[in-house]
Amino acid sequence: SQVLDTKDLQVFKVTVNGQDAEFVFGEKHNFKGTPLEITLPFELRRGQEAIVEISFESSPKSSALQWFSPEQTSGKKHPFLFSQCQVEWI
């Protein structure tokens, strides 16, 4: 499984390589946020790539999320979201 650090996000759906994945939020922590544990829908082999897509909605309280407007990106066509949080594989 994969654990992501979140804060004030609403998650609707998670897929891994196009397959639906189960997910659950852990216990909320005052300043650390809330862990989001994603269960992979298949066994991940060494060297295998996994593309994790998360359909979510953020809020003004969602910390560590930052957006670039399309004009701020190299392609200047799409906005870009990045996170300062870290992923943990377990």
PDB file of N, CA and C in Angstrom:
ATOM      1  N   SER A   1       0.842  -1.187   0.000  1.00  0.00           N
ATOM      2  CA  SER A   1       0.000   0.000   0.000  1.00  0.00           C
ATOM      3  C   SER A   1       0.883   1.245   0.000  1.00  0.00           C
ATOM      4  N   GLN A   2       0.265   2.365  -0.234  1.00  0.00           N
ATOM      5  CA  GLN A   2       0.955   3.647  -0.302  1.00  0.00           C
ATOM      6  C   GLN A   2       0.242   4.596   0.659  1.00  0.00           C
ATOM      7  N   VAL A   3       1.008   5.363   1.421  1.00  0.00           N
ATOM      8  CA  VAL A   3       0.427   6.315   2.356  1.00  0.00           C
ATOM      9  C   VAL A   3       0.850   7.718   1.945  1.00  0.00           C
ATOM     10  N   LEU A   4      -0.136   8.587   1.774  1.00  0.00           N
ATOM     11  CA  LEU A   4       0.112   9.983   1.433  1.00  0.00           C
ATOM     12  C   LEU A   4      -0.312  10.865   2.588  1.00  0.00           C
ATOM     13  N   ASP A   5       0.355  11.969   2.736  1.00  0.00           N
ATOM     14  CA  ASP A   5       0.017  12.942   3.756  1.00  0.00           C
ATOM     15  C   ASP A   5      -0.984  13.921   3.145  1.00  0.00           C
ATOM     16  N   THR A   6      -2.109  14.154   3.809  1.00  0.00           N
ATOM     17  CA  THR A   6      -3.123  15.074   3.308  1.00  0.00           C
ATOM     18  C   THR A   6      -3.564  16.026   4.406  1.00  0.00           C
ATOM     19  N   LYS A   7      -4.200  17.097   4.004  1.00  0.00           N
ATOM     20  CA  LYS A   7      -4.809  17.989   4.985  1.00  0.00           C
ATOM     21  C   LYS A   7      -5.995  18.678   4.332  1.00  0.00           C
ATOM     22  N   ASP A   8      -7.157  18.417   4.883  1.00  0.00           N
ATOM     23  CA  ASP A   8      -8.398  19.046   4.426  1.00  0.00           C
ATOM     24  C   ASP A   8      -8.678  18.816   2.949  1.00  0.00           C
ATOM     25  N   LEU A   9      -8.514  17.566   2.516  1.00  0.00           N
ATOM     26  CA  LEU A   9      -8.869  17.179   1.155  1.00  0.00           C
ATOM     27  C   LEU A   9     -10.096  16.282   1.195  1.00  0.00           C
ATOM     28  N   GLN A  10     -10.902  16.352   0.142  1.00  0.00           N
ATOM     29  CA  GLN A  10     -11.991  15.411  -0.050  1.00  0.00           C
ATOM     30  C   GLN A  10     -11.597  14.550  -1.246  1.00  0.00           C
ATOM     31  N   VAL A  11     -11.451  13.254  -1.032  1.00  0.00           N
ATOM     32  CA  VAL A  11     -11.025  12.331  -2.089  1.00  0.00           C
ATOM     33  C   VAL A  11     -12.254  11.569  -2.577  1.00  0.00           C
ATOM     34  N   PHE A  12     -12.445  11.553  -3.906  1.00  0.00           N
ATOM     35  CA  PHE A  12     -13.596  10.889  -4.508  1.00  0.00           C
ATOM     36  C   PHE A  12     -13.248   9.525  -5.079  1.00  0.00           C
ATOM     37  N   LYS A  13     -12.063   9.413  -5.695  1.00  0.00           N
ATOM     38  CA  LYS A  13     -11.700   8.179  -6.380  1.00  0.00           C
ATOM     39  C   LYS A  13     -10.187   8.096  -6.505  1.00  0.00           C
ATOM     40  N   VAL A  14      -9.660   6.866  -6.448  1.00  0.00           N
ATOM     41  CA  VAL A  14      -8.232   6.615  -6.664  1.00  0.00           C
ATOM     42  C   VAL A  14      -8.111   5.467  -7.657  1.00  0.00           C
ATOM     43  N   THR A  15      -7.244   5.641  -8.653  1.00  0.00           N
ATOM     44  CA  THR A  15      -6.937   4.552  -9.583  1.00  0.00           C
ATOM     45  C   THR A  15      -5.425   4.375  -9.646  1.00  0.00           C
ATOM     46  N   VAL A  16      -5.012   3.144  -9.906  1.00  0.00           N
ATOM     47  CA  VAL A  16      -3.597   2.818 -10.102  1.00  0.00           C
ATOM     48  C   VAL A  16      -3.503   2.082 -11.436  1.00  0.00           C
ATOM     49  N   ASN A  17      -2.757   2.661 -12.360  1.00  0.00           N
ATOM     50  CA  ASN A  17      -2.650   2.124 -13.722  1.00  0.00           C
ATOM     51  C   ASN A  17      -4.042   1.866 -14.314  1.00  0.00           C
ATOM     52  N   GLY A  18      -4.964   2.792 -14.035  1.00  0.00           N
ATOM     53  CA  GLY A  18      -6.312   2.710 -14.589  1.00  0.00           C
ATOM     54  C   GLY A  18      -7.273   1.811 -13.844  1.00  0.00           C
ATOM     55  N   GLN A  19      -6.806   1.088 -12.827  1.00  0.00           N
ATOM     56  CA  GLN A  19      -7.666   0.196 -12.049  1.00  0.00           C
ATOM     57  C   GLN A  19      -8.092   0.882 -10.759  1.00  0.00           C
ATOM     58  N   ASP A  20      -9.369   0.742 -10.392  1.00  0.00           N
ATOM     59  CA  ASP A  20      -9.855   1.323  -9.140  1.00  0.00           C
ATOM     60  C   ASP A  20      -9.070   0.765  -7.963  1.00  0.00           C
ATOM     61  N   ALA A  21      -8.715   1.650  -7.045  1.00  0.00           N
ATOM     62  CA  ALA A  21      -7.974   1.257  -5.846  1.00  0.00           C
ATOM     63  C   ALA A  21      -8.789   1.643  -4.610  1.00  0.00           C
ATOM     64  N   GLU A  22      -8.695   0.823  -3.577  1.00  0.00           N
ATOM     65  CA  GLU A  22      -9.349   1.151  -2.311  1.00  0.00           C
ATOM     66  C   GLU A  22      -8.479   2.146  -1.570  1.00  0.00           C
ATOM     67  N   PHE A  23      -9.138   3.041  -0.814  1.00  0.00           N
ATOM     68  CA  PHE A  23      -8.401   4.018  -0.022  1.00  0.00           C
ATOM     69  C   PHE A  23      -9.167   4.305   1.259  1.00  0.00           C
ATOM     70  N   VAL A  24      -8.424   4.703   2.275  1.00  0.00           N
ATOM     71  CA  VAL A  24      -9.021   5.026   3.565  1.00  0.00           C
ATOM     72  C   VAL A  24      -8.177   6.110   4.226  1.00  0.00           C
ATOM     73  N   PHE A  25      -8.851   7.019   4.923  1.00  0.00           N
ATOM     74  CA  PHE A  25      -8.151   8.041   5.697  1.00  0.00           C
ATOM     75  C   PHE A  25      -7.849   7.498   7.084  1.00  0.00           C
ATOM     76  N   GLY A  26      -6.663   7.809   7.585  1.00  0.00           N
ATOM     77  CA  GLY A  26      -6.292   7.430   8.942  1.00  0.00           C
ATOM     78  C   GLY A  26      -6.751   8.497   9.922  1.00  0.00           C
ATOM     79  N   GLU A  27      -6.219   8.410  11.123  1.00  0.00           N
ATOM     80  CA  GLU A  27      -6.586   9.338  12.186  1.00  0.00           C
ATOM     81  C   GLU A  27      -5.999  10.729  11.917  1.00  0.00           C
ATOM     82  N   LYS A  28      -6.841  11.740  12.041  1.00  0.00           N
ATOM     83  CA  LYS A  28      -6.413  13.125  11.806  1.00  0.00           C
ATOM     84  C   LYS A  28      -5.497  13.591  12.938  1.00  0.00           C
ATOM     85  N   HIS A  29      -4.413  14.268  12.568  1.00  0.00           N
ATOM     86  CA  HIS A  29      -3.468  14.830  13.522  1.00  0.00           C
ATOM     87  C   HIS A  29      -3.543  16.349  13.423  1.00  0.00           C
ATOM     88  N   ASN A  30      -3.484  17.039  14.550  1.00  0.00           N
ATOM     89  CA  ASN A  30      -3.677  18.497  14.560  1.00  0.00           C
ATOM     90  C   ASN A  30      -2.811  19.253  13.569  1.00  0.00           C
ATOM     91  N   PHE A  31      -1.501  19.024  13.554  1.00  0.00           N
ATOM     92  CA  PHE A  31      -0.650  19.808  12.665  1.00  0.00           C
ATOM     93  C   PHE A  31      -0.017  18.979  11.550  1.00  0.00           C
ATOM     94  N   LYS A  32      -0.028  17.669  11.664  1.00  0.00           N
ATOM     95  CA  LYS A  32       0.574  16.835  10.617  1.00  0.00           C
ATOM     96  C   LYS A  32      -0.394  16.541   9.480  1.00  0.00           C
ATOM     97  N   GLY A  33      -1.677  16.626   9.706  1.00  0.00           N
ATOM     98  CA  GLY A  33      -2.655  16.309   8.679  1.00  0.00           C
ATOM     99  C   GLY A  33      -3.263  14.936   8.885  1.00  0.00           C
ATOM    100  N   THR A  34      -3.746  14.343   7.790  1.00  0.00           N
ATOM    101  CA  THR A  34      -4.436  13.057   7.839  1.00  0.00           C
ATOM    102  C   THR A  34      -3.822  12.114   6.816  1.00  0.00           C
ATOM    103  N   PRO A  35      -3.367  10.933   7.241  1.00  0.00           N
ATOM    104  CA  PRO A  35      -2.807   9.994   6.265  1.00  0.00           C
ATOM    105  C   PRO A  35      -3.900   9.418   5.363  1.00  0.00           C
ATOM    106  N   LEU A  36      -3.581   9.278   4.100  1.00  0.00           N
ATOM    107  CA  LEU A  36      -4.463   8.633   3.129  1.00  0.00           C
ATOM    108  C   LEU A  36      -3.760   7.361   2.676  1.00  0.00           C
ATOM    109  N   GLU A  37      -4.308   6.199   3.052  1.00  0.00           N
ATOM    110  CA  GLU A  37      -3.694   4.925   2.693  1.00  0.00           C
ATOM    111  C   GLU A  37      -4.394   4.354   1.464  1.00  0.00           C
ATOM    112  N   ILE A  38      -3.604   4.091   0.430  1.00  0.00           N
ATOM    113  CA  ILE A  38      -4.105   3.550  -0.823  1.00  0.00           C
ATOM    114  C   ILE A  38      -3.646   2.099  -0.938  1.00  0.00           C
ATOM    115  N   THR A  39      -4.592   1.197  -1.144  1.00  0.00           N
ATOM    116  CA  THR A  39      -4.274  -0.213  -1.348  1.00  0.00           C
ATOM    117  C   THR A  39      -4.184  -0.461  -2.847  1.00  0.00           C
ATOM    118  N   LEU A  40      -3.027  -0.890  -3.308  1.00  0.00           N
ATOM    119  CA  LEU A  40      -2.834  -1.146  -4.730  1.00  0.00           C
ATOM    120  C   LEU A  40      -3.716  -2.311  -5.170  1.00  0.00           C
ATOM    121  N   PRO A  41      -4.336  -2.212  -6.357  1.00  0.00           N
ATOM    122  CA  PRO A  41      -5.227  -3.285  -6.813  1.00  0.00           C
ATOM    123  C   PRO A  41      -4.482  -4.474  -7.416  1.00  0.00           C
ATOM    124  N   PHE A  42      -3.159  -4.462  -7.344  1.00  0.00           N
ATOM    125  CA  PHE A  42      -2.346  -5.551  -7.874  1.00  0.00           C
ATOM    126  C   PHE A  42      -1.010  -5.549  -7.149  1.00  0.00           C
ATOM    127  N   GLU A  43      -0.293  -6.661  -7.253  1.00  0.00           N
ATOM    128  CA  GLU A  43       1.047  -6.775  -6.661  1.00  0.00           C
ATOM    129  C   GLU A  43       2.028  -5.976  -7.516  1.00  0.00           C
ATOM    130  N   LEU A  44       2.779  -5.110  -6.909  1.00  0.00           N
ATOM    131  CA  LEU A  44       3.751  -4.287  -7.625  1.00  0.00           C
ATOM    132  C   LEU A  44       5.082  -5.027  -7.666  1.00  0.00           C
ATOM    133  N   ARG A  45       5.585  -5.244  -8.879  1.00  0.00           N
ATOM    134  CA  ARG A  45       6.868  -5.934  -9.043  1.00  0.00           C
ATOM    135  C   ARG A  45       8.006  -4.916  -9.034  1.00  0.00           C
ATOM    136  N   ARG A  46       9.188  -5.360  -8.647  1.00  0.00           N
ATOM    137  CA  ARG A  46      10.365  -4.493  -8.645  1.00  0.00           C
ATOM    138  C   ARG A  46      10.566  -3.907 -10.046  1.00  0.00           C
ATOM    139  N   GLY A  47      10.703  -2.593 -10.103  1.00  0.00           N
ATOM    140  CA  GLY A  47      10.934  -1.912 -11.364  1.00  0.00           C
ATOM    141  C   GLY A  47       9.667  -1.566 -12.137  1.00  0.00           C
ATOM    142  N   GLN A  48       8.518  -2.059 -11.662  1.00  0.00           N
ATOM    143  CA  GLN A  48       7.252  -1.776 -12.356  1.00  0.00           C
ATOM    144  C   GLN A  48       6.793  -0.358 -12.039  1.00  0.00           C
ATOM    145  N   GLU A  49       6.333   0.340 -13.045  1.00  0.00           N
ATOM    146  CA  GLU A  49       5.805   1.682 -12.838  1.00  0.00           C
ATOM    147  C   GLU A  49       4.352   1.606 -12.417  1.00  0.00           C
ATOM    148  N   ALA A  50       3.961   2.539 -11.559  1.00  0.00           N
ATOM    149  CA  ALA A  50       2.565   2.641 -11.143  1.00  0.00           C
ATOM    150  C   ALA A  50       2.164   4.103 -11.228  1.00  0.00           C
ATOM    151  N   ILE A  51       1.114   4.358 -11.983  1.00  0.00           N
ATOM    152  CA  ILE A  51       0.585   5.715 -12.095  1.00  0.00           C
ATOM    153  C   ILE A  51      -0.637   5.801 -11.194  1.00  0.00           C
ATOM    154  N   VAL A  52      -0.531   6.619 -10.157  1.00  0.00           N
ATOM    155  CA  VAL A  52      -1.608   6.794  -9.191  1.00  0.00           C
ATOM    156  C   VAL A  52      -2.338   8.086  -9.532  1.00  0.00           C
ATOM    157  N   GLU A  53      -3.634   7.973  -9.793  1.00  0.00           N
ATOM    158  CA  GLU A  53      -4.462   9.142 -10.071  1.00  0.00           C
ATOM    159  C   GLU A  53      -5.483   9.287  -8.956  1.00  0.00           C
ATOM    160  N   ILE A  54      -5.569  10.509  -8.423  1.00  0.00           N
ATOM    161  CA  ILE A  54      -6.471  10.781  -7.311  1.00  0.00           C
ATOM    162  C   ILE A  54      -7.416  11.901  -7.718  1.00  0.00           C
ATOM    163  N   SER A  55      -8.705  11.613  -7.659  1.00  0.00           N
ATOM    164  CA  SER A  55      -9.724  12.622  -7.921  1.00  0.00           C
ATOM    165  C   SER A  55     -10.080  13.229  -6.559  1.00  0.00           C
ATOM    166  N   PHE A  56      -9.790  14.524  -6.401  1.00  0.00           N
ATOM    167  CA  PHE A  56      -9.964  15.146  -5.090  1.00  0.00           C
ATOM    168  C   PHE A  56     -10.414  16.592  -5.234  1.00  0.00           C
ATOM    169  N   GLU A  57     -10.824  17.133  -4.116  1.00  0.00           N
ATOM    170  CA  GLU A  57     -11.158  18.554  -4.034  1.00  0.00           C
ATOM    171  C   GLU A  57     -10.416  19.124  -2.835  1.00  0.00           C
ATOM    172  N   SER A  58      -9.712  20.211  -3.055  1.00  0.00           N
ATOM    173  CA  SER A  58      -8.988  20.852  -1.961  1.00  0.00           C
ATOM    174  C   SER A  58      -9.871  21.942  -1.355  1.00  0.00           C
ATOM    175  N   SER A  59      -9.386  22.542  -0.294  1.00  0.00           N
ATOM    176  CA  SER A  59     -10.092  23.642   0.358  1.00  0.00           C
ATOM    177  C   SER A  59      -9.071  24.721   0.686  1.00  0.00           C
ATOM    178  N   PRO A  60      -9.521  25.906   1.035  1.00  0.00           N
ATOM    179  CA  PRO A  60      -8.560  26.957   1.417  1.00  0.00           C
ATOM    180  C   PRO A  60      -7.671  26.556   2.596  1.00  0.00           C
ATOM    181  N   LYS A  61      -8.115  25.568   3.403  1.00  0.00           N
ATOM    182  CA  LYS A  61      -7.321  25.114   4.550  1.00  0.00           C
ATOM    183  C   LYS A  61      -6.311  24.039   4.164  1.00  0.00           C
ATOM    184  N   SER A  62      -6.343  23.559   2.924  1.00  0.00           N
ATOM    185  CA  SER A  62      -5.426  22.500   2.476  1.00  0.00           C
ATOM    186  C   SER A  62      -4.014  23.066   2.384  1.00  0.00           C
ATOM    187  N   SER A  63      -3.171  22.717   3.336  1.00  0.00           N
ATOM    188  CA  SER A  63      -1.809  23.249   3.343  1.00  0.00           C
ATOM    189  C   SER A  63      -0.892  22.362   2.512  1.00  0.00           C
ATOM    190  N   ALA A  64       0.256  22.916   2.157  1.00  0.00           N
ATOM    191  CA  ALA A  64       1.309  22.235   1.402  1.00  0.00           C
ATOM    192  C   ALA A  64       0.923  21.965  -0.049  1.00  0.00           C
ATOM    193  N   LEU A  65      -0.218  22.496  -0.517  1.00  0.00           N
ATOM    194  CA  LEU A  65      -0.593  22.397  -1.924  1.00  0.00           C
ATOM    195  C   LEU A  65      -0.404  23.758  -2.568  1.00  0.00           C
ATOM    196  N   GLN A  66       0.265  23.763  -3.694  1.00  0.00           N
ATOM    197  CA  GLN A  66       0.481  25.024  -4.389  1.00  0.00           C
ATOM    198  C   GLN A  66       0.156  24.838  -5.867  1.00  0.00           C
ATOM    199  N   TRP A  67      -0.400  25.868  -6.458  1.00  0.00           N
ATOM    200  CA  TRP A  67      -0.814  25.831  -7.861  1.00  0.00           C
ATOM    201  C   TRP A  67      -0.006  26.816  -8.681  1.00  0.00           C
ATOM    202  N   PHE A  68       0.354  26.403  -9.886  1.00  0.00           N
ATOM    203  CA  PHE A  68       0.881  27.310 -10.903  1.00  0.00           C
ATOM    204  C   PHE A  68      -0.246  27.537 -11.904  1.00  0.00           C
ATOM    205  N   SER A  69      -0.449  28.758 -12.296  1.00  0.00           N
ATOM    206  CA  SER A  69      -1.421  29.046 -13.346  1.00  0.00           C
ATOM    207  C   SER A  69      -0.833  28.571 -14.673  1.00  0.00           C
ATOM    208  N   PRO A  70      -1.654  28.402 -15.709  1.00  0.00           N
ATOM    209  CA  PRO A  70      -1.091  27.959 -16.997  1.00  0.00           C
ATOM    210  C   PRO A  70       0.052  28.853 -17.472  1.00  0.00           C
ATOM    211  N   GLU A  71      -0.051  30.139 -17.233  1.00  0.00           N
ATOM    212  CA  GLU A  71       0.986  31.077 -17.676  1.00  0.00           C
ATOM    213  C   GLU A  71       2.324  30.844 -16.971  1.00  0.00           C
ATOM    214  N   GLN A  72       2.304  30.231 -15.797  1.00  0.00           N
ATOM    215  CA  GLN A  72       3.525  29.987 -15.037  1.00  0.00           C
ATOM    216  C   GLN A  72       4.220  28.679 -15.428  1.00  0.00           C
ATOM    217  N   THR A  73       3.592  27.875 -16.285  1.00  0.00           N
ATOM    218  CA  THR A  73       4.172  26.587 -16.668  1.00  0.00           C
ATOM    219  C   THR A  73       4.920  26.706 -17.990  1.00  0.00           C
ATOM    220  N   SER A  74       5.751  25.719 -18.294  1.00  0.00           N
ATOM    221  CA  SER A  74       6.536  25.778 -19.529  1.00  0.00           C
ATOM    222  C   SER A  74       5.658  25.669 -20.772  1.00  0.00           C
ATOM    223  N   GLY A  75       4.583  24.863 -20.712  1.00  0.00           N
ATOM    224  CA  GLY A  75       3.701  24.712 -21.870  1.00  0.00           C
ATOM    225  C   GLY A  75       2.651  25.806 -21.979  1.00  0.00           C
ATOM    226  N   LYS A  76       2.412  26.500 -20.860  1.00  0.00           N
ATOM    227  CA  LYS A  76       1.463  27.616 -20.784  1.00  0.00           C
ATOM    228  C   LYS A  76       0.036  27.246 -21.187  1.00  0.00           C
ATOM    229  N   LYS A  77      -0.327  25.917 -21.074  1.00  0.00           N
ATOM    230  CA  LYS A  77      -1.673  25.487 -21.459  1.00  0.00           C
ATOM    231  C   LYS A  77      -2.505  24.992 -20.291  1.00  0.00           C
ATOM    232  N   HIS A  78      -1.842  24.397 -19.286  1.00  0.00           N
ATOM    233  CA  HIS A  78      -2.573  23.761 -18.192  1.00  0.00           C
ATOM    234  C   HIS A  78      -2.026  24.235 -16.846  1.00  0.00           C
ATOM    235  N   PRO A  79      -2.883  24.323 -15.825  1.00  0.00           N
ATOM    236  CA  PRO A  79      -2.367  24.631 -14.483  1.00  0.00           C
ATOM    237  C   PRO A  79      -1.576  23.433 -13.961  1.00  0.00           C
ATOM    238  N   PHE A  80      -0.762  23.656 -12.946  1.00  0.00           N
ATOM    239  CA  PHE A  80       0.080  22.603 -12.386  1.00  0.00           C
ATOM    240  C   PHE A  80      -0.038  22.648 -10.870  1.00  0.00           C
ATOM    241  N   LEU A  81      -0.332  21.498 -10.255  1.00  0.00           N
ATOM    242  CA  LEU A  81      -0.435  21.368  -8.808  1.00  0.00           C
ATOM    243  C   LEU A  81       0.775  20.604  -8.303  1.00  0.00           C
ATOM    244  N   PHE A  82       1.400  21.107  -7.243  1.00  0.00           N
ATOM    245  CA  PHE A  82       2.461  20.328  -6.612  1.00  0.00           C
ATOM    246  C   PHE A  82       2.301  20.377  -5.104  1.00  0.00           C
ATOM    247  N   SER A  83       2.868  19.378  -4.470  1.00  0.00           N
ATOM    248  CA  SER A  83       2.728  19.211  -3.031  1.00  0.00           C
ATOM    249  C   SER A  83       4.101  19.196  -2.379  1.00  0.00           C
ATOM    250  N   GLN A  84       4.162  19.735  -1.187  1.00  0.00           N
ATOM    251  CA  GLN A  84       5.399  19.686  -0.408  1.00  0.00           C
ATOM    252  C   GLN A  84       5.389  18.506   0.550  1.00  0.00           C
ATOM    253  N   CYS A  85       4.319  17.701   0.489  1.00  0.00           N
ATOM    254  CA  CYS A  85       4.237  16.523   1.347  1.00  0.00           C
ATOM    255  C   CYS A  85       5.051  15.393   0.734  1.00  0.00           C
ATOM    256  N   GLN A  86       5.241  14.335   1.492  1.00  0.00           N
ATOM    257  CA  GLN A  86       6.070  13.236   1.018  1.00  0.00           C
ATOM    258  C   GLN A  86       5.253  11.945   0.997  1.00  0.00           C
ATOM    259  N   VAL A  87       5.632  11.057   0.106  1.00  0.00           N
ATOM    260  CA  VAL A  87       4.977   9.758  -0.013  1.00  0.00           C
ATOM    261  C   VAL A  87       5.748   8.734   0.828  1.00  0.00           C
ATOM    262  N   GLU A  88       5.030   7.753   1.339  1.00  0.00           N
ATOM    263  CA  GLU A  88       5.656   6.665   2.096  1.00  0.00           C
ATOM    264  C   GLU A  88       5.107   5.348   1.565  1.00  0.00           C
ATOM    265  N   TRP A  89       5.982   4.457   1.143  1.00  0.00           N
ATOM    266  CA  TRP A  89       5.558   3.125   0.682  1.00  0.00           C
ATOM    267  C   TRP A  89       5.669   2.157   1.839  1.00  0.00           C
ATOM    268  N   ILE A  90       4.604   1.385   2.071  1.00  0.00           N
ATOM    269  CA  ILE A  90       4.657   0.376   3.128  1.00  0.00           C
ATOM    270  C   ILE A  90       4.276  -0.979   2.588  1.00  0.00           C
TER     271      ILE A  90
END
